[in-house]
Amino acid sequence: MILDVQTCKGSIHDFKLYKDTCPDWLPENTNYLADSGYQGIANLHKQTFTPFKKPRGGQLLEICKQANHYLAKFRIVVEHKIGLIKLFKIVAHKYRNRRQRYDLRMKLFAGIINSELRL
């Protein structure tokens, strides 16, 4: 289920957008499963899981590889939901209507996907 959709004008990194619009409605004991683009999110939230990175010139331990694989199994569900939102061409093309309606339409698409998932 998609709980929230955040948008901004122009090109901005996902983690910066998250830091700027950090949702305060999430409970304190929420676990965060993030991809490698969110390195540093552990400074904001204690219960955060991001993939382990291979050390420069070294090898990743087998336990770290397994943890990354396990995290990827949960993350793929999120990536599929993002892909469903991108089925609406409004995300893929330049938006030519009023900016204030873009957020509303993105939340509408999320609601449509949520209702489809319940069927």
C-alpha atoms as a PDB file:
ATOM      1  CA  MET A   1       0.000   0.000   0.000  1.00  0.00           C
ATOM      2  CA  ILE A   2       1.261   3.475  -0.868  1.00  0.00           C
ATOM      3  CA  LEU A   3       1.004   5.731   2.175  1.00  0.00           C
ATOM      4  CA  ASP A   4       2.328   9.001   0.811  1.00  0.00           C
ATOM      5  CA  VAL A   5       3.701  10.575  -2.353  1.00  0.00           C
ATOM      6  CA  GLN A   6       6.002  13.607  -2.240  1.00  0.00           C
ATOM      7  CA  THR A   7       6.813  15.752  -5.264  1.00  0.00           C
ATOM      8  CA  CYS A   8       8.848  18.857  -5.941  1.00  0.00           C
ATOM      9  CA  LYS A   9       9.546  21.257  -8.754  1.00  0.00           C
ATOM     10  CA  GLY A  10      12.559  20.365 -10.856  1.00  0.00           C
ATOM     11  CA  SER A  11      15.171  17.697 -10.401  1.00  0.00           C
ATOM     12  CA  ILE A  12      16.103  16.786  -6.836  1.00  0.00           C
ATOM     13  CA  HIS A  13      17.619  13.707  -5.210  1.00  0.00           C
ATOM     14  CA  ASP A  14      15.158  11.441  -3.391  1.00  0.00           C
ATOM     15  CA  PHE A  15      17.047  11.617  -0.087  1.00  0.00           C
ATOM     16  CA  LYS A  16      17.136  15.430  -0.132  1.00  0.00           C
ATOM     17  CA  LEU A  17      13.396  15.501  -0.808  1.00  0.00           C
ATOM     18  CA  TYR A  18      12.897  13.067   2.068  1.00  0.00           C
ATOM     19  CA  LYS A  19      14.956  15.225   4.443  1.00  0.00           C
ATOM     20  CA  ASP A  20      13.042  18.355   3.404  1.00  0.00           C
ATOM     21  CA  THR A  21       9.614  16.740   3.799  1.00  0.00           C
ATOM     22  CA  CYS A  22      10.362  14.143   6.474  1.00  0.00           C
ATOM     23  CA  PRO A  23       6.997  12.691   7.507  1.00  0.00           C
ATOM     24  CA  ASP A  24       6.303  13.320  11.187  1.00  0.00           C
ATOM     25  CA  TRP A  25       3.240  11.082  11.206  1.00  0.00           C
ATOM     26  CA  LEU A  26       5.278   7.852  11.138  1.00  0.00           C
ATOM     27  CA  PRO A  27       5.601   6.161  14.543  1.00  0.00           C
ATOM     28  CA  GLU A  28       8.979   6.265  16.302  1.00  0.00           C
ATOM     29  CA  ASN A  29       9.400   2.484  16.168  1.00  0.00           C
ATOM     30  CA  THR A  30       9.008   2.307  12.364  1.00  0.00           C
ATOM     31  CA  ASN A  31      11.597   0.293  10.442  1.00  0.00           C
ATOM     32  CA  TYR A  32      12.941   1.963   7.305  1.00  0.00           C
ATOM     33  CA  LEU A  33      14.107  -0.184   4.397  1.00  0.00           C
ATOM     34  CA  ALA A  34      16.016   2.079   2.024  1.00  0.00           C
ATOM     35  CA  ASP A  35      18.126   1.630  -1.070  1.00  0.00           C
ATOM     36  CA  SER A  36      21.747   2.700  -1.360  1.00  0.00           C
ATOM     37  CA  GLY A  37      20.748   6.234  -2.410  1.00  0.00           C
ATOM     38  CA  TYR A  38      19.685   6.871   1.186  1.00  0.00           C
ATOM     39  CA  GLN A  39      23.134   6.438   2.765  1.00  0.00           C
ATOM     40  CA  GLY A  40      23.087   8.539   5.925  1.00  0.00           C
ATOM     41  CA  ILE A  41      19.421   8.031   6.758  1.00  0.00           C
ATOM     42  CA  ALA A  42      20.552   6.110   9.851  1.00  0.00           C
ATOM     43  CA  ASN A  43      21.565   9.494  11.295  1.00  0.00           C
ATOM     44  CA  LEU A  44      17.887  10.530  11.149  1.00  0.00           C
ATOM     45  CA  HIS A  45      16.274   7.243  12.227  1.00  0.00           C
ATOM     46  CA  LYS A  46      17.679   4.503  14.416  1.00  0.00           C
ATOM     47  CA  GLN A  47      15.814   1.578  12.860  1.00  0.00           C
ATOM     48  CA  THR A  48      17.066   1.963   9.301  1.00  0.00           C
ATOM     49  CA  PHE A  49      18.339  -0.745   6.987  1.00  0.00           C
ATOM     50  CA  THR A  50      20.361   0.116   3.873  1.00  0.00           C
ATOM     51  CA  PRO A  51      22.462  -2.243   1.756  1.00  0.00           C
ATOM     52  CA  PHE A  52      26.063  -2.853   2.716  1.00  0.00           C
ATOM     53  CA  LYS A  53      28.621  -1.407   0.311  1.00  0.00           C
ATOM     54  CA  LYS A  54      31.711  -3.249  -0.782  1.00  0.00           C
ATOM     55  CA  PRO A  55      34.805  -1.656   0.758  1.00  0.00           C
ATOM     56  CA  ARG A  56      37.192  -0.046  -1.712  1.00  0.00           C
ATOM     57  CA  GLY A  57      39.670  -2.677  -2.846  1.00  0.00           C
ATOM     58  CA  GLY A  58      38.074  -5.345  -0.663  1.00  0.00           C
ATOM     59  CA  GLN A  59      35.351  -7.945  -0.682  1.00  0.00           C
ATOM     60  CA  LEU A  60      31.936  -7.956   0.929  1.00  0.00           C
ATOM     61  CA  LEU A  61      31.496 -10.570   3.645  1.00  0.00           C
ATOM     62  CA  GLU A  62      29.095 -13.418   2.890  1.00  0.00           C
ATOM     63  CA  ILE A  63      26.790 -12.399   5.758  1.00  0.00           C
ATOM     64  CA  CYS A  64      26.597  -8.879   4.278  1.00  0.00           C
ATOM     65  CA  LYS A  65      25.744 -10.312   0.861  1.00  0.00           C
ATOM     66  CA  GLN A  66      22.962 -12.357   2.433  1.00  0.00           C
ATOM     67  CA  ALA A  67      21.653  -9.300   4.282  1.00  0.00           C
ATOM     68  CA  ASN A  68      21.640  -7.313   1.021  1.00  0.00           C
ATOM     69  CA  HIS A  69      19.770 -10.124  -0.724  1.00  0.00           C
ATOM     70  CA  TYR A  70      17.196 -10.281   2.071  1.00  0.00           C
ATOM     71  CA  LEU A  71      16.731  -6.489   1.978  1.00  0.00           C
ATOM     72  CA  ALA A  72      16.326  -6.601  -1.809  1.00  0.00           C
ATOM     73  CA  LYS A  73      13.461  -9.105  -1.443  1.00  0.00           C
ATOM     74  CA  PHE A  74      11.493  -6.538   0.562  1.00  0.00           C
ATOM     75  CA  ARG A  75      12.590  -3.553  -1.532  1.00  0.00           C
ATOM     76  CA  ILE A  76      11.423  -5.094  -4.807  1.00  0.00           C
ATOM     77  CA  VAL A  77       7.814  -4.718  -3.637  1.00  0.00           C
ATOM     78  CA  VAL A  78       8.361  -0.966  -3.278  1.00  0.00           C
ATOM     79  CA  GLU A  79      10.054  -0.737  -6.677  1.00  0.00           C
ATOM     80  CA  HIS A  80       7.100  -2.503  -8.293  1.00  0.00           C
ATOM     81  CA  LYS A  81       4.712   0.067  -6.773  1.00  0.00           C
ATOM     82  CA  ILE A  82       6.864   2.891  -8.160  1.00  0.00           C
ATOM     83  CA  GLY A  83       6.679   1.185 -11.539  1.00  0.00           C
ATOM     84  CA  LEU A  84       2.887   1.083 -11.304  1.00  0.00           C
ATOM     85  CA  ILE A  85       2.765   4.841 -10.701  1.00  0.00           C
ATOM     86  CA  LYS A  86       4.995   5.347 -13.730  1.00  0.00           C
ATOM     87  CA  LEU A  87       2.368   3.628 -15.898  1.00  0.00           C
ATOM     88  CA  PHE A  88       0.585   6.957 -15.766  1.00  0.00           C
ATOM     89  CA  LYS A  89       2.407   8.989 -18.423  1.00  0.00           C
ATOM     90  CA  ILE A  90       2.153  12.164 -16.352  1.00  0.00           C
ATOM     91  CA  VAL A  91       5.304  11.033 -14.540  1.00  0.00           C
ATOM     92  CA  ALA A  92       7.241  10.201 -17.715  1.00  0.00           C
ATOM     93  CA  HIS A  93       6.524  13.407 -19.674  1.00  0.00           C
ATOM     94  CA  LYS A  94       6.783  17.109 -19.012  1.00  0.00           C
ATOM     95  CA  TYR A  95       3.830  18.279 -16.926  1.00  0.00           C
ATOM     96  CA  ARG A  96       2.046  21.178 -18.668  1.00  0.00           C
ATOM     97  CA  ASN A  97      -0.787  22.013 -16.287  1.00  0.00           C
ATOM     98  CA  ARG A  98      -0.899  23.984 -13.035  1.00  0.00           C
ATOM     99  CA  ARG A  99       1.858  22.988 -10.622  1.00  0.00           C
ATOM    100  CA  GLN A 100      -0.472  22.900  -7.605  1.00  0.00           C
ATOM    101  CA  ARG A 101      -2.528  20.138  -9.196  1.00  0.00           C
ATOM    102  CA  TYR A 102       0.455  17.846  -9.791  1.00  0.00           C
ATOM    103  CA  ASP A 103       0.612  16.763  -6.135  1.00  0.00           C
ATOM    104  CA  LEU A 104      -3.112  16.123  -6.116  1.00  0.00           C
ATOM    105  CA  ARG A 105      -2.893  14.004  -9.252  1.00  0.00           C
ATOM    106  CA  MET A 106       0.053  11.985  -7.950  1.00  0.00           C
ATOM    107  CA  LYS A 107      -1.906  11.202  -4.768  1.00  0.00           C
ATOM    108  CA  LEU A 108      -4.879  10.268  -6.948  1.00  0.00           C
ATOM    109  CA  PHE A 109      -2.710   7.791  -8.900  1.00  0.00           C
ATOM    110  CA  ALA A 110      -1.482   6.311  -5.623  1.00  0.00           C
ATOM    111  CA  GLY A 111      -5.104   5.907  -4.508  1.00  0.00           C
ATOM    112  CA  ILE A 112      -6.013   4.181  -7.768  1.00  0.00           C
ATOM    113  CA  ILE A 113      -3.115   1.763  -7.359  1.00  0.00           C
ATOM    114  CA  ASN A 114      -4.087   1.105  -3.739  1.00  0.00           C
ATOM    115  CA  SER A 115      -7.672   0.326  -4.752  1.00  0.00           C
ATOM    116  CA  GLU A 116      -6.442  -2.000  -7.532  1.00  0.00           C
ATOM    117  CA  LEU A 117      -4.206  -3.849  -5.073  1.00  0.00           C
ATOM    118  CA  ARG A 118      -7.169  -4.524  -2.768  1.00  0.00           C
ATOM    119  CA  LEU A 119      -9.076  -6.235  -5.596  1.00  0.00           C
END
